[in-house]
Amino acid sequence: MRKKPQDGFATLEDRILWETVAKTARPLKGKAKPAFLSDEPEQKSSTYPSAPENAKPIAAVPAGTKPPPAHRLHPIDRPTHKKIARGRVVIEARIDLHGLTQGEAYGLLLGFLQRAHLRKLRYVLVITGKGSSLGSDGVLRQAVPLWFATPSFRILVNGYEDAARNHGGSGAIYVRMRRQGEAL
């Protein structure tokens, strides 16, 4: 029997989903606001992975700029990209990072990719969103490709490319997972 974490949530995804939904709810008249909805800073739980301590928010990058070549992994080749876009190559899993902070998204994405790697999945979809600012990419849209270049993600990710329009376009990323035992 699998033991649940102390806070009662089965996974990080469950906790984040609950908090996201709960923030949109209003307490009944005369009832106190729950602690996680208050404006007080949350205490970090050591149970879940999060962004590294030295992680800094990504500075705004001019629109249309891609990460430098040193950060690029092997891009997904054009024929495979077309096959994924047309549905001939199956996207085996997907994750939606809309509305999450960098710390939440980092831990959630890392855990998702680790599970996908253990399940020997080949292609997954990461939905970052396009960002809400006019004329600029969203923070997660800029951060996720940079995270893929870090050692913790490089052992999991072989390559990535912007998704086709029908899968979210520039607000989503196709990720080709590294096979187990495959050299970096």
N, C-alpha and C. Protein backbone atom coordinates (compact mmCIF):
# COMPACT_ATOMS: atom_id res chain seq x y z
N MET A 1 0.84 -1.18 0.00
CA MET A 1 0.00 0.00 0.00
C MET A 1 0.88 1.24 0.00
N ARG A 2 0.59 2.17 -0.91
CA ARG A 2 1.38 3.39 -1.02
C ARG A 2 0.93 4.41 0.01
N LYS A 3 1.89 4.98 0.70
CA LYS A 3 1.60 5.97 1.73
C LYS A 3 1.46 7.35 1.09
N LYS A 4 0.42 8.09 1.50
CA LYS A 4 0.21 9.44 0.98
C LYS A 4 1.09 10.44 1.74
N PRO A 5 1.45 11.56 1.07
CA PRO A 5 2.21 12.59 1.77
C PRO A 5 1.43 13.14 2.96
N GLN A 6 2.13 13.78 3.88
CA GLN A 6 1.54 14.29 5.11
C GLN A 6 0.38 15.25 4.89
N ASP A 7 0.44 16.07 3.83
CA ASP A 7 -0.59 17.09 3.65
C ASP A 7 -1.89 16.55 3.06
N GLY A 8 -1.98 15.24 2.80
CA GLY A 8 -3.22 14.65 2.33
C GLY A 8 -3.37 14.60 0.82
N PHE A 9 -2.46 15.19 0.07
CA PHE A 9 -2.53 15.17 -1.38
C PHE A 9 -1.68 14.03 -1.91
N ALA A 10 -2.19 13.34 -2.92
CA ALA A 10 -1.48 12.19 -3.47
C ALA A 10 -0.23 12.63 -4.23
N THR A 11 -0.33 13.69 -4.99
CA THR A 11 0.79 14.13 -5.81
C THR A 11 0.91 15.64 -5.78
N LEU A 12 2.01 16.14 -6.29
CA LEU A 12 2.21 17.58 -6.42
C LEU A 12 1.15 18.17 -7.35
N GLU A 13 0.82 17.42 -8.42
CA GLU A 13 -0.19 17.90 -9.36
C GLU A 13 -1.53 18.12 -8.65
N ASP A 14 -1.91 17.17 -7.77
CA ASP A 14 -3.16 17.29 -7.02
C ASP A 14 -3.15 18.54 -6.15
N ARG A 15 -2.04 18.76 -5.48
CA ARG A 15 -1.92 19.92 -4.58
C ARG A 15 -2.02 21.23 -5.36
N ILE A 16 -1.29 21.33 -6.46
CA ILE A 16 -1.29 22.55 -7.26
C ILE A 16 -2.67 22.79 -7.87
N LEU A 17 -3.29 21.73 -8.38
CA LEU A 17 -4.63 21.86 -8.96
C LEU A 17 -5.61 22.35 -7.91
N TRP A 18 -5.57 21.74 -6.73
CA TRP A 18 -6.48 22.15 -5.66
C TRP A 18 -6.27 23.62 -5.29
N GLU A 19 -5.02 24.05 -5.12
CA GLU A 19 -4.75 25.43 -4.74
C GLU A 19 -5.18 26.40 -5.84
N THR A 20 -4.99 26.02 -7.10
CA THR A 20 -5.39 26.88 -8.21
C THR A 20 -6.90 27.06 -8.22
N VAL A 21 -7.64 25.98 -8.04
CA VAL A 21 -9.11 26.06 -8.02
C VAL A 21 -9.58 26.79 -6.77
N ALA A 22 -8.98 26.48 -5.64
CA ALA A 22 -9.41 27.09 -4.38
C ALA A 22 -9.20 28.60 -4.36
N LYS A 23 -8.18 29.10 -5.06
CA LYS A 23 -7.94 30.54 -5.09
C LYS A 23 -9.05 31.29 -5.81
N THR A 24 -9.78 30.60 -6.67
CA THR A 24 -10.88 31.26 -7.39
C THR A 24 -12.18 31.25 -6.59
N ALA A 25 -12.23 30.49 -5.50
CA ALA A 25 -13.44 30.38 -4.69
C ALA A 25 -13.48 31.50 -3.65
N ARG A 26 -14.71 31.92 -3.34
CA ARG A 26 -14.91 32.92 -2.29
C ARG A 26 -15.50 32.22 -1.07
N PRO A 27 -15.01 32.54 0.15
CA PRO A 27 -15.57 31.91 1.34
C PRO A 27 -17.02 32.33 1.56
N LEU A 28 -17.79 31.47 2.21
CA LEU A 28 -19.17 31.81 2.53
C LEU A 28 -19.20 33.00 3.48
N LYS A 29 -20.31 33.70 3.45
CA LYS A 29 -20.47 34.88 4.29
C LYS A 29 -20.30 34.49 5.76
N GLY A 30 -19.41 35.19 6.46
CA GLY A 30 -19.17 34.95 7.87
C GLY A 30 -18.12 33.88 8.14
N LYS A 31 -17.60 33.24 7.10
CA LYS A 31 -16.57 32.20 7.29
C LYS A 31 -15.19 32.80 7.06
N ALA A 32 -14.20 32.27 7.74
CA ALA A 32 -12.83 32.75 7.61
C ALA A 32 -12.20 32.23 6.32
N LYS A 33 -11.28 32.99 5.82
CA LYS A 33 -10.54 32.59 4.61
C LYS A 33 -9.53 31.51 4.99
N PRO A 34 -9.46 30.38 4.25
CA PRO A 34 -8.47 29.34 4.58
C PRO A 34 -7.04 29.88 4.53
N ALA A 35 -6.15 29.27 5.27
CA ALA A 35 -4.77 29.75 5.40
C ALA A 35 -4.06 29.82 4.06
N PHE A 36 -4.28 28.84 3.16
CA PHE A 36 -3.56 28.86 1.89
C PHE A 36 -4.08 29.91 0.93
N LEU A 37 -5.24 30.52 1.25
CA LEU A 37 -5.76 31.59 0.41
C LEU A 37 -5.39 32.97 0.95
N SER A 38 -4.81 33.01 2.14
CA SER A 38 -4.46 34.30 2.72
C SER A 38 -3.26 34.89 2.01
N ASP A 39 -3.00 36.15 2.29
CA ASP A 39 -1.90 36.86 1.63
C ASP A 39 -0.56 36.59 2.29
N GLU A 40 -0.54 35.78 3.34
CA GLU A 40 0.72 35.45 4.00
C GLU A 40 1.54 34.53 3.10
N PRO A 41 2.87 34.67 3.13
CA PRO A 41 3.69 33.77 2.32
C PRO A 41 3.55 32.33 2.80
N GLU A 42 3.53 31.41 1.83
CA GLU A 42 3.39 29.99 2.15
C GLU A 42 4.69 29.43 2.69
N GLN A 43 4.57 28.43 3.55
CA GLN A 43 5.75 27.71 4.00
C GLN A 43 6.05 26.66 2.95
N LYS A 44 7.31 26.55 2.58
CA LYS A 44 7.69 25.57 1.56
C LYS A 44 7.69 24.19 2.17
N SER A 45 7.17 23.24 1.41
CA SER A 45 7.16 21.85 1.83
C SER A 45 8.37 21.15 1.22
N SER A 46 9.12 20.44 2.04
CA SER A 46 10.29 19.74 1.53
C SER A 46 9.91 18.44 0.82
N THR A 47 8.62 18.08 0.85
CA THR A 47 8.15 16.85 0.23
C THR A 47 8.22 16.94 -1.29
N TYR A 48 8.01 18.12 -1.85
CA TYR A 48 7.92 18.28 -3.29
C TYR A 48 9.13 18.98 -3.86
N PRO A 49 9.54 18.62 -5.08
CA PRO A 49 10.66 19.33 -5.71
C PRO A 49 10.23 20.73 -6.12
N SER A 50 11.16 21.63 -6.13
CA SER A 50 10.87 22.99 -6.57
C SER A 50 12.08 23.53 -7.31
N ALA A 51 11.99 24.78 -7.72
CA ALA A 51 13.10 25.38 -8.44
C ALA A 51 14.33 25.43 -7.54
N PRO A 52 15.52 25.33 -8.10
CA PRO A 52 16.72 25.41 -7.28
C PRO A 52 16.79 26.74 -6.55
N GLU A 53 17.47 26.75 -5.41
CA GLU A 53 17.57 27.96 -4.60
C GLU A 53 18.19 29.13 -5.37
N ASN A 54 19.13 28.84 -6.27
CA ASN A 54 19.79 29.91 -7.01
C ASN A 54 19.04 30.30 -8.29
N ALA A 55 17.84 29.72 -8.51
CA ALA A 55 17.06 30.06 -9.71
C ALA A 55 16.55 31.49 -9.58
N LYS A 56 16.72 32.25 -10.64
CA LYS A 56 16.27 33.63 -10.66
C LYS A 56 15.20 33.76 -11.73
N PRO A 57 14.24 34.69 -11.56
CA PRO A 57 13.27 34.89 -12.62
C PRO A 57 13.98 35.28 -13.92
N ILE A 58 13.44 34.83 -15.01
CA ILE A 58 14.02 35.10 -16.31
C ILE A 58 13.75 36.56 -16.68
N ALA A 59 14.78 37.27 -17.08
CA ALA A 59 14.62 38.65 -17.52
C ALA A 59 13.90 38.66 -18.86
N ALA A 60 13.19 39.72 -19.14
CA ALA A 60 12.46 39.83 -20.40
C ALA A 60 13.43 39.76 -21.57
N VAL A 61 13.10 38.93 -22.54
CA VAL A 61 13.91 38.75 -23.73
C VAL A 61 13.11 39.29 -24.90
N PRO A 62 13.75 40.01 -25.83
CA PRO A 62 12.99 40.52 -26.96
C PRO A 62 12.21 39.42 -27.67
N ALA A 63 11.01 39.77 -28.13
CA ALA A 63 10.14 38.81 -28.80
C ALA A 63 10.84 38.20 -30.01
N GLY A 64 10.59 36.92 -30.24
CA GLY A 64 11.16 36.23 -31.39
C GLY A 64 12.58 35.74 -31.17
N THR A 65 13.14 35.95 -29.97
CA THR A 65 14.50 35.52 -29.69
C THR A 65 14.47 34.10 -29.14
N LYS A 66 15.33 33.25 -29.64
CA LYS A 66 15.44 31.87 -29.16
C LYS A 66 16.64 31.79 -28.21
N PRO A 67 16.68 30.75 -27.37
CA PRO A 67 17.85 30.59 -26.50
C PRO A 67 19.12 30.45 -27.33
N PRO A 68 20.26 30.84 -26.78
CA PRO A 68 21.51 30.72 -27.52
C PRO A 68 21.79 29.27 -27.90
N PRO A 69 22.58 29.03 -28.94
CA PRO A 69 22.84 27.67 -29.41
C PRO A 69 23.37 26.73 -28.33
N ALA A 70 24.11 27.24 -27.34
CA ALA A 70 24.65 26.39 -26.29
C ALA A 70 23.53 25.74 -25.47
N HIS A 71 22.35 26.38 -25.44
CA HIS A 71 21.23 25.84 -24.67
C HIS A 71 20.37 24.89 -25.48
N ARG A 72 20.59 24.78 -26.77
CA ARG A 72 19.74 23.95 -27.62
C ARG A 72 20.13 22.49 -27.51
N LEU A 73 19.14 21.66 -27.42
CA LEU A 73 19.34 20.22 -27.51
C LEU A 73 19.12 19.86 -28.97
N HIS A 74 19.13 18.59 -29.28
CA HIS A 74 18.88 18.17 -30.66
C HIS A 74 17.45 18.54 -31.03
N PRO A 75 17.26 19.36 -32.05
CA PRO A 75 15.89 19.69 -32.43
C PRO A 75 15.20 18.46 -33.00
N ILE A 76 13.88 18.46 -32.92
CA ILE A 76 13.11 17.37 -33.51
C ILE A 76 13.13 17.58 -35.02
N ASP A 77 13.50 16.53 -35.77
CA ASP A 77 13.63 16.68 -37.22
C ASP A 77 12.27 16.99 -37.85
N ARG A 78 12.33 17.66 -38.99
CA ARG A 78 11.13 18.15 -39.66
C ARG A 78 10.10 17.05 -39.98
N PRO A 79 10.52 15.90 -40.55
CA PRO A 79 9.52 14.86 -40.83
C PRO A 79 8.81 14.36 -39.57
N THR A 80 9.55 14.20 -38.48
CA THR A 80 8.93 13.75 -37.23
C THR A 80 8.00 14.81 -36.68
N HIS A 81 8.40 16.07 -36.77
CA HIS A 81 7.55 17.18 -36.32
C HIS A 81 6.23 17.16 -37.07
N LYS A 82 6.29 16.95 -38.39
CA LYS A 82 5.07 16.90 -39.20
C LYS A 82 4.20 15.71 -38.81
N LYS A 83 4.83 14.56 -38.53
CA LYS A 83 4.08 13.37 -38.14
C LYS A 83 3.36 13.59 -36.81
N ILE A 84 4.04 14.25 -35.87
CA ILE A 84 3.41 14.55 -34.57
C ILE A 84 2.23 15.49 -34.79
N ALA A 85 2.46 16.54 -35.58
CA ALA A 85 1.42 17.55 -35.83
C ALA A 85 0.19 16.92 -36.48
N ARG A 86 0.39 15.95 -37.35
CA ARG A 86 -0.73 15.31 -38.07
C ARG A 86 -1.33 14.14 -37.30
N GLY A 87 -0.73 13.80 -36.16
CA GLY A 87 -1.27 12.73 -35.35
C GLY A 87 -0.78 11.34 -35.71
N ARG A 88 0.19 11.24 -36.61
CA ARG A 88 0.71 9.93 -37.00
C ARG A 88 1.74 9.42 -35.99
N VAL A 89 2.35 10.33 -35.24
CA VAL A 89 3.18 9.96 -34.09
C VAL A 89 2.43 10.45 -32.87
N VAL A 90 2.18 9.55 -31.94
CA VAL A 90 1.31 9.84 -30.80
C VAL A 90 2.06 10.64 -29.73
N ILE A 91 1.37 11.66 -29.21
CA ILE A 91 1.85 12.37 -28.02
C ILE A 91 1.37 11.52 -26.86
N GLU A 92 2.30 10.93 -26.13
CA GLU A 92 1.95 9.94 -25.13
C GLU A 92 1.53 10.53 -23.78
N ALA A 93 1.88 11.79 -23.52
CA ALA A 93 1.48 12.45 -22.28
C ALA A 93 1.57 13.95 -22.50
N ARG A 94 0.85 14.69 -21.69
CA ARG A 94 0.91 16.15 -21.77
C ARG A 94 0.77 16.75 -20.38
N ILE A 95 1.34 17.94 -20.23
CA ILE A 95 1.24 18.67 -18.96
C ILE A 95 0.96 20.13 -19.29
N ASP A 96 0.08 20.74 -18.50
CA ASP A 96 -0.30 22.13 -18.71
C ASP A 96 0.22 22.95 -17.52
N LEU A 97 1.09 23.91 -17.81
CA LEU A 97 1.71 24.72 -16.76
C LEU A 97 1.07 26.10 -16.63
N HIS A 98 -0.07 26.33 -17.30
CA HIS A 98 -0.75 27.63 -17.23
C HIS A 98 -0.97 28.06 -15.78
N GLY A 99 -0.70 29.31 -15.51
CA GLY A 99 -1.03 29.90 -14.22
C GLY A 99 -0.14 29.51 -13.06
N LEU A 100 0.95 28.79 -13.31
CA LEU A 100 1.83 28.38 -12.23
C LEU A 100 3.01 29.34 -12.11
N THR A 101 3.57 29.43 -10.92
CA THR A 101 4.78 30.21 -10.73
C THR A 101 5.95 29.39 -11.27
N GLN A 102 7.11 30.02 -11.40
CA GLN A 102 8.28 29.29 -11.89
C GLN A 102 8.65 28.15 -10.95
N GLY A 103 8.59 28.37 -9.66
CA GLY A 103 8.93 27.33 -8.69
C GLY A 103 8.00 26.14 -8.79
N GLU A 104 6.69 26.40 -8.86
CA GLU A 104 5.72 25.32 -9.00
C GLU A 104 5.91 24.59 -10.33
N ALA A 105 6.07 25.36 -11.41
CA ALA A 105 6.20 24.77 -12.74
C ALA A 105 7.47 23.93 -12.84
N TYR A 106 8.56 24.40 -12.25
CA TYR A 106 9.83 23.67 -12.30
C TYR A 106 9.68 22.29 -11.68
N GLY A 107 9.18 22.25 -10.46
CA GLY A 107 9.01 20.98 -9.76
C GLY A 107 8.02 20.06 -10.45
N LEU A 108 6.92 20.62 -10.90
CA LEU A 108 5.90 19.84 -11.58
C LEU A 108 6.43 19.26 -12.89
N LEU A 109 7.13 20.08 -13.67
CA LEU A 109 7.67 19.63 -14.95
C LEU A 109 8.75 18.57 -14.76
N LEU A 110 9.63 18.79 -13.80
CA LEU A 110 10.69 17.81 -13.55
C LEU A 110 10.10 16.46 -13.14
N GLY A 111 9.14 16.48 -12.25
CA GLY A 111 8.49 15.24 -11.83
C GLY A 111 7.76 14.56 -12.98
N PHE A 112 7.06 15.35 -13.79
CA PHE A 112 6.35 14.81 -14.95
C PHE A 112 7.32 14.14 -15.92
N LEU A 113 8.42 14.81 -16.23
CA LEU A 113 9.39 14.25 -17.17
C LEU A 113 10.10 13.02 -16.59
N GLN A 114 10.34 13.00 -15.29
CA GLN A 114 10.95 11.83 -14.67
C GLN A 114 10.02 10.63 -14.78
N ARG A 115 8.73 10.84 -14.52
CA ARG A 115 7.76 9.74 -14.65
C ARG A 115 7.63 9.29 -16.10
N ALA A 116 7.63 10.24 -17.03
CA ALA A 116 7.55 9.89 -18.46
C ALA A 116 8.77 9.07 -18.87
N HIS A 117 9.93 9.43 -18.36
CA HIS A 117 11.17 8.71 -18.67
C HIS A 117 11.11 7.29 -18.11
N LEU A 118 10.63 7.15 -16.88
CA LEU A 118 10.51 5.83 -16.27
C LEU A 118 9.51 4.95 -17.03
N ARG A 119 8.45 5.56 -17.56
CA ARG A 119 7.45 4.82 -18.34
C ARG A 119 7.89 4.59 -19.77
N LYS A 120 9.09 5.05 -20.11
CA LYS A 120 9.69 4.89 -21.44
C LYS A 120 8.84 5.55 -22.54
N LEU A 121 8.25 6.71 -22.23
CA LEU A 121 7.51 7.46 -23.24
C LEU A 121 8.51 8.14 -24.16
N ARG A 122 8.12 8.39 -25.39
CA ARG A 122 9.04 8.99 -26.36
C ARG A 122 8.71 10.45 -26.62
N TYR A 123 7.43 10.80 -26.84
CA TYR A 123 7.06 12.19 -27.15
C TYR A 123 5.99 12.66 -26.18
N VAL A 124 6.24 13.82 -25.57
CA VAL A 124 5.28 14.43 -24.66
C VAL A 124 5.08 15.90 -25.07
N LEU A 125 3.99 16.47 -24.60
CA LEU A 125 3.67 17.86 -24.90
C LEU A 125 3.68 18.67 -23.61
N VAL A 126 4.42 19.77 -23.61
CA VAL A 126 4.48 20.67 -22.46
C VAL A 126 3.79 21.97 -22.88
N ILE A 127 2.68 22.30 -22.22
CA ILE A 127 1.93 23.52 -22.54
C ILE A 127 2.36 24.59 -21.56
N THR A 128 3.01 25.64 -22.08
CA THR A 128 3.51 26.73 -21.24
C THR A 128 2.59 27.94 -21.28
N GLY A 129 1.82 28.07 -22.34
CA GLY A 129 1.04 29.28 -22.56
C GLY A 129 1.92 30.30 -23.26
N LYS A 130 1.28 31.30 -23.82
CA LYS A 130 2.02 32.31 -24.58
C LYS A 130 2.38 33.53 -23.75
N GLY A 131 1.85 33.63 -22.56
CA GLY A 131 2.12 34.79 -21.72
C GLY A 131 1.01 35.81 -21.87
N SER A 132 0.86 36.65 -20.87
CA SER A 132 -0.25 37.60 -20.90
C SER A 132 0.18 39.02 -21.29
N SER A 133 1.46 39.28 -21.33
CA SER A 133 1.93 40.62 -21.68
C SER A 133 1.87 40.81 -23.19
N LEU A 134 1.48 41.98 -23.59
CA LEU A 134 1.46 42.27 -25.03
C LEU A 134 2.88 42.43 -25.54
N GLY A 135 3.18 41.78 -26.63
CA GLY A 135 4.48 41.95 -27.27
C GLY A 135 5.63 41.20 -26.63
N SER A 136 5.35 40.34 -25.64
CA SER A 136 6.45 39.58 -25.04
C SER A 136 5.99 38.15 -24.76
N ASP A 137 6.94 37.24 -24.74
CA ASP A 137 6.64 35.86 -24.39
C ASP A 137 6.43 35.76 -22.89
N GLY A 138 5.69 34.77 -22.47
CA GLY A 138 5.47 34.54 -21.06
C GLY A 138 6.73 34.07 -20.36
N VAL A 139 6.73 34.18 -19.07
CA VAL A 139 7.90 33.80 -18.27
C VAL A 139 8.19 32.31 -18.44
N LEU A 140 7.16 31.47 -18.35
CA LEU A 140 7.38 30.03 -18.50
C LEU A 140 7.78 29.68 -19.92
N ARG A 141 7.24 30.39 -20.89
CA ARG A 141 7.59 30.16 -22.30
C ARG A 141 9.09 30.37 -22.50
N GLN A 142 9.66 31.33 -21.80
CA GLN A 142 11.09 31.61 -21.90
C GLN A 142 11.91 30.66 -21.01
N ALA A 143 11.37 30.32 -19.85
CA ALA A 143 12.15 29.56 -18.87
C ALA A 143 12.28 28.08 -19.21
N VAL A 144 11.22 27.47 -19.70
CA VAL A 144 11.24 26.01 -19.92
C VAL A 144 12.37 25.57 -20.86
N PRO A 145 12.59 26.21 -22.01
CA PRO A 145 13.72 25.79 -22.85
C PRO A 145 15.08 25.95 -22.14
N LEU A 146 15.21 26.94 -21.29
CA LEU A 146 16.45 27.11 -20.53
C LEU A 146 16.61 26.01 -19.49
N TRP A 147 15.50 25.59 -18.88
CA TRP A 147 15.56 24.49 -17.92
C TRP A 147 16.01 23.21 -18.61
N PHE A 148 15.57 22.99 -19.84
CA PHE A 148 15.94 21.77 -20.56
C PHE A 148 17.45 21.65 -20.72
N ALA A 149 18.18 22.75 -20.67
CA ALA A 149 19.63 22.73 -20.83
C ALA A 149 20.36 22.43 -19.52
N THR A 150 19.63 22.39 -18.40
CA THR A 150 20.27 22.12 -17.12
C THR A 150 20.49 20.61 -16.95
N PRO A 151 21.47 20.21 -16.13
CA PRO A 151 21.78 18.78 -15.98
C PRO A 151 20.60 17.92 -15.55
N SER A 152 19.74 18.43 -14.66
CA SER A 152 18.61 17.61 -14.18
C SER A 152 17.62 17.30 -15.30
N PHE A 153 17.50 18.19 -16.29
CA PHE A 153 16.59 17.95 -17.40
C PHE A 153 17.29 17.27 -18.58
N ARG A 154 18.59 17.53 -18.76
CA ARG A 154 19.31 16.96 -19.92
C ARG A 154 19.33 15.44 -19.90
N ILE A 155 19.31 14.84 -18.71
CA ILE A 155 19.30 13.38 -18.65
C ILE A 155 17.94 12.80 -19.05
N LEU A 156 16.92 13.66 -19.13
CA LEU A 156 15.57 13.22 -19.48
C LEU A 156 15.16 13.61 -20.90
N VAL A 157 15.61 14.80 -21.35
CA VAL A 157 15.14 15.38 -22.61
C VAL A 157 16.21 15.25 -23.69
N ASN A 158 15.81 14.69 -24.83
CA ASN A 158 16.71 14.56 -25.97
C ASN A 158 16.59 15.78 -26.88
N GLY A 159 15.39 16.28 -27.06
CA GLY A 159 15.19 17.44 -27.92
C GLY A 159 13.80 18.02 -27.73
N TYR A 160 13.60 19.21 -28.27
CA TYR A 160 12.30 19.86 -28.18
C TYR A 160 12.13 20.82 -29.34
N GLU A 161 10.90 21.17 -29.60
CA GLU A 161 10.56 22.07 -30.71
C GLU A 161 9.20 22.67 -30.41
N ASP A 162 8.94 23.88 -30.91
CA ASP A 162 7.62 24.47 -30.76
C ASP A 162 6.58 23.54 -31.36
N ALA A 163 5.42 23.49 -30.74
CA ALA A 163 4.35 22.62 -31.20
C ALA A 163 3.68 23.21 -32.44
N ALA A 164 2.98 22.36 -33.16
CA ALA A 164 2.19 22.81 -34.31
C ALA A 164 0.99 23.60 -33.81
N ARG A 165 0.40 24.34 -34.69
CA ARG A 165 -0.71 25.22 -34.34
C ARG A 165 -1.85 24.46 -33.65
N ASN A 166 -2.17 23.25 -34.14
CA ASN A 166 -3.29 22.49 -33.57
C ASN A 166 -2.99 21.94 -32.17
N HIS A 167 -1.74 21.98 -31.74
CA HIS A 167 -1.38 21.55 -30.38
C HIS A 167 -1.00 22.73 -29.49
N GLY A 168 -1.22 23.95 -29.93
CA GLY A 168 -0.95 25.11 -29.10
C GLY A 168 0.08 26.07 -29.67
N GLY A 169 0.68 25.73 -30.81
CA GLY A 169 1.63 26.63 -31.46
C GLY A 169 2.77 27.02 -30.55
N SER A 170 3.07 28.32 -30.52
CA SER A 170 4.21 28.78 -29.72
C SER A 170 3.94 28.74 -28.22
N GLY A 171 2.73 28.38 -27.82
CA GLY A 171 2.40 28.25 -26.40
C GLY A 171 2.58 26.83 -25.88
N ALA A 172 3.14 25.96 -26.73
CA ALA A 172 3.37 24.57 -26.33
C ALA A 172 4.66 24.06 -26.96
N ILE A 173 5.21 23.02 -26.38
CA ILE A 173 6.50 22.48 -26.84
C ILE A 173 6.39 20.96 -26.95
N TYR A 174 6.78 20.43 -28.11
CA TYR A 174 6.94 18.98 -28.25
C TYR A 174 8.28 18.62 -27.61
N VAL A 175 8.29 17.59 -26.79
CA VAL A 175 9.52 17.15 -26.15
C VAL A 175 9.78 15.69 -26.53
N ARG A 176 10.97 15.43 -27.06
CA ARG A 176 11.38 14.05 -27.33
C ARG A 176 12.20 13.61 -26.13
N MET A 177 11.73 12.55 -25.48
CA MET A 177 12.39 12.05 -24.28
C MET A 177 13.63 11.25 -24.66
N ARG A 178 14.62 11.31 -23.81
CA ARG A 178 15.84 10.53 -24.00
C ARG A 178 15.54 9.09 -23.62
N ARG A 179 16.01 8.16 -24.42
CA ARG A 179 15.82 6.75 -24.10
C ARG A 179 16.70 6.38 -22.92
N GLN A 180 16.26 5.41 -22.13
CA GLN A 180 17.05 4.99 -20.98
C GLN A 180 18.35 4.39 -21.48
N GLY A 181 19.44 4.84 -20.91
CA GLY A 181 20.76 4.37 -21.31
C GLY A 181 21.36 5.12 -22.48
N GLU A 182 20.60 6.06 -23.08
CA GLU A 182 21.09 6.83 -24.22
C GLU A 182 22.12 7.86 -23.74
N ALA A 183 23.21 7.99 -24.46
CA ALA A 183 24.28 8.92 -24.08
C ALA A 183 23.83 10.36 -24.25
N LEU A 184 24.39 11.24 -23.41
CA LEU A 184 24.09 12.67 -23.53
C LEU A 184 24.81 13.16 -24.72
